[in-house]
Amino acid sequence: MRIIFPVFLAIFSVLNAFSQVFDDRILRVNVIDSAGSQVDTAKVMVTSNTGKSFICQELEIGKFACEINFGGDFLLAVRAEGFSILRLTVPN
């Protein structure tokens, strides 16, 4: 199994501009490998600080979006075949 952390890049941002217009926030995740290719087996999950989990919607191969409609920090987990699981705590 390949180590995901040094060769794996998950680019994400919580877009506050959306919260000003639509009263919600969208987490966008782009899952790529060390060569810059989209990872087609990726799955992205967000777990709130209360323990409730949400699976992010895949927009296209390797690109995901998740509504963050709760307060507090959350755990972002990215899974993909052939890679170790990437877990990040995201301040909210």
C-alpha atoms as a PDB file:
ATOM      1  CA  MET A   1       0.000   0.000   0.000  1.00  0.00           C
ATOM      2  CA  ARG A   2       1.322   3.429  -0.902  1.00  0.00           C
ATOM      3  CA  ILE A   3       1.682   6.100   1.748  1.00  0.00           C
ATOM      4  CA  ILE A   4      -0.881   8.754   0.949  1.00  0.00           C
ATOM      5  CA  PHE A   5       0.256  11.751   2.989  1.00  0.00           C
ATOM      6  CA  PRO A   6       3.530  12.734   1.261  1.00  0.00           C
ATOM      7  CA  VAL A   7       2.333  11.997  -2.259  1.00  0.00           C
ATOM      8  CA  PHE A   8      -1.342  12.878  -1.940  1.00  0.00           C
ATOM      9  CA  LEU A   9      -2.802  16.345  -2.137  1.00  0.00           C
ATOM     10  CA  ALA A  10      -6.283  17.308  -1.067  1.00  0.00           C
ATOM     11  CA  ILE A  11      -7.016  20.917  -1.829  1.00  0.00           C
ATOM     12  CA  PHE A  12     -10.031  22.257  -0.032  1.00  0.00           C
ATOM     13  CA  SER A  13     -11.515  25.504   1.092  1.00  0.00           C
ATOM     14  CA  VAL A  14     -14.619  26.540   2.914  1.00  0.00           C
ATOM     15  CA  LEU A  15     -16.020  29.299   0.782  1.00  0.00           C
ATOM     16  CA  ASN A  16     -17.443  31.976   3.055  1.00  0.00           C
ATOM     17  CA  ALA A  17     -18.709  33.931   0.040  1.00  0.00           C
ATOM     18  CA  PHE A  18     -21.399  31.289  -0.363  1.00  0.00           C
ATOM     19  CA  SER A  19     -22.492  31.694   3.252  1.00  0.00           C
ATOM     20  CA  GLN A  20     -23.093  35.411   2.697  1.00  0.00           C
ATOM     21  CA  VAL A  21     -25.312  34.771  -0.304  1.00  0.00           C
ATOM     22  CA  PHE A  22     -26.959  31.410   0.413  1.00  0.00           C
ATOM     23  CA  ASP A  23     -26.519  31.097   4.200  1.00  0.00           C
ATOM     24  CA  ASP A  24     -24.472  27.916   3.775  1.00  0.00           C
ATOM     25  CA  ARG A  25     -20.849  26.990   3.247  1.00  0.00           C
ATOM     26  CA  ILE A  26     -19.446  24.583   0.712  1.00  0.00           C
ATOM     27  CA  LEU A  27     -16.330  22.506   1.265  1.00  0.00           C
ATOM     28  CA  ARG A  28     -14.642  21.736  -2.051  1.00  0.00           C
ATOM     29  CA  VAL A  29     -12.102  18.910  -2.225  1.00  0.00           C
ATOM     30  CA  ASN A  30      -9.862  18.076  -5.170  1.00  0.00           C
ATOM     31  CA  VAL A  31      -8.182  14.668  -4.780  1.00  0.00           C
ATOM     32  CA  ILE A  32      -5.054  14.163  -6.877  1.00  0.00           C
ATOM     33  CA  ASP A  33      -2.061  11.824  -6.762  1.00  0.00           C
ATOM     34  CA  SER A  34       1.621  12.807  -6.762  1.00  0.00           C
ATOM     35  CA  ALA A  35       1.573  13.087 -10.571  1.00  0.00           C
ATOM     36  CA  GLY A  36      -1.329  15.537 -10.466  1.00  0.00           C
ATOM     37  CA  SER A  37      -3.929  13.087 -11.803  1.00  0.00           C
ATOM     38  CA  GLN A  38      -7.438  12.962 -10.352  1.00  0.00           C
ATOM     39  CA  VAL A  39      -7.952   9.900  -8.140  1.00  0.00           C
ATOM     40  CA  ASP A  40     -11.004   8.120  -9.535  1.00  0.00           C
ATOM     41  CA  THR A  41     -11.503   5.779  -6.548  1.00  0.00           C
ATOM     42  CA  ALA A  42     -11.564   8.585  -3.957  1.00  0.00           C
ATOM     43  CA  LYS A  43     -14.348   8.999  -1.402  1.00  0.00           C
ATOM     44  CA  VAL A  44     -14.588  12.007   0.911  1.00  0.00           C
ATOM     45  CA  MET A  45     -16.389  12.110   4.263  1.00  0.00           C
ATOM     46  CA  VAL A  46     -16.891  14.888   6.796  1.00  0.00           C
ATOM     47  CA  THR A  47     -17.627  14.149  10.463  1.00  0.00           C
ATOM     48  CA  SER A  48     -18.913  16.965  12.677  1.00  0.00           C
ATOM     49  CA  ASN A  49     -17.702  17.460  16.230  1.00  0.00           C
ATOM     50  CA  THR A  50     -20.995  15.871  17.379  1.00  0.00           C
ATOM     51  CA  GLY A  51     -20.129  12.657  15.502  1.00  0.00           C
ATOM     52  CA  LYS A  52     -22.576  12.997  12.604  1.00  0.00           C
ATOM     53  CA  SER A  53     -20.979  11.954   9.284  1.00  0.00           C
ATOM     54  CA  PHE A  54     -21.702  13.240   5.791  1.00  0.00           C
ATOM     55  CA  ILE A  55     -20.481  11.788   2.504  1.00  0.00           C
ATOM     56  CA  CYS A  56     -19.421  14.500   0.067  1.00  0.00           C
ATOM     57  CA  GLN A  57     -20.998  14.564  -3.372  1.00  0.00           C
ATOM     58  CA  GLU A  58     -18.643  13.744  -6.242  1.00  0.00           C
ATOM     59  CA  LEU A  59     -19.006  16.470  -8.883  1.00  0.00           C
ATOM     60  CA  GLU A  60     -16.627  14.819 -11.333  1.00  0.00           C
ATOM     61  CA  ILE A  61     -13.738  12.366 -11.014  1.00  0.00           C
ATOM     62  CA  GLY A  62     -11.696  13.374  -7.970  1.00  0.00           C
ATOM     63  CA  LYS A  63     -13.675  16.568  -7.246  1.00  0.00           C
ATOM     64  CA  PHE A  64     -16.112  16.749  -4.357  1.00  0.00           C
ATOM     65  CA  ALA A  65     -18.384  19.244  -2.628  1.00  0.00           C
ATOM     66  CA  CYS A  66     -19.916  19.073   0.842  1.00  0.00           C
ATOM     67  CA  GLU A  67     -22.293  21.453   2.565  1.00  0.00           C
ATOM     68  CA  ILE A  68     -20.929  22.465   5.953  1.00  0.00           C
ATOM     69  CA  ASN A  69     -24.089  23.567   7.752  1.00  0.00           C
ATOM     70  CA  PHE A  70     -22.910  23.008  11.315  1.00  0.00           C
ATOM     71  CA  GLY A  71     -20.623  24.855  13.701  1.00  0.00           C
ATOM     72  CA  GLY A  72     -17.402  23.661  15.247  1.00  0.00           C
ATOM     73  CA  ASP A  73     -14.352  21.900  13.907  1.00  0.00           C
ATOM     74  CA  PHE A  74     -14.784  18.768  11.809  1.00  0.00           C
ATOM     75  CA  LEU A  75     -12.819  15.781  10.603  1.00  0.00           C
ATOM     76  CA  LEU A  76     -12.184  15.407   6.870  1.00  0.00           C
ATOM     77  CA  ALA A  77     -11.404  11.851   5.760  1.00  0.00           C
ATOM     78  CA  VAL A  78     -10.275  10.959   2.234  1.00  0.00           C
ATOM     79  CA  ARG A  79     -10.127   7.303   1.157  1.00  0.00           C
ATOM     80  CA  ALA A  80      -8.909   5.888  -2.122  1.00  0.00           C
ATOM     81  CA  GLU A  81      -7.939   2.418  -3.303  1.00  0.00           C
ATOM     82  CA  GLY A  82      -4.180   1.914  -3.098  1.00  0.00           C
ATOM     83  CA  PHE A  83      -3.643   4.851  -0.711  1.00  0.00           C
ATOM     84  CA  SER A  84      -3.685   5.123   3.056  1.00  0.00           C
ATOM     85  CA  ILE A  85      -6.530   7.144   4.576  1.00  0.00           C
ATOM     86  CA  LEU A  86      -5.917  10.869   4.969  1.00  0.00           C
ATOM     87  CA  ARG A  87      -7.567  12.451   8.019  1.00  0.00           C
ATOM     88  CA  LEU A  88      -7.451  16.172   8.766  1.00  0.00           C
ATOM     89  CA  THR A  89      -9.100  18.206  11.496  1.00  0.00           C
ATOM     90  CA  VAL A  90     -10.468  21.386   9.920  1.00  0.00           C
ATOM     91  CA  PRO A  91     -11.203  24.452  12.079  1.00  0.00           C
ATOM     92  CA  ASN A  92     -14.672  25.829  11.442  1.00  0.00           C
END
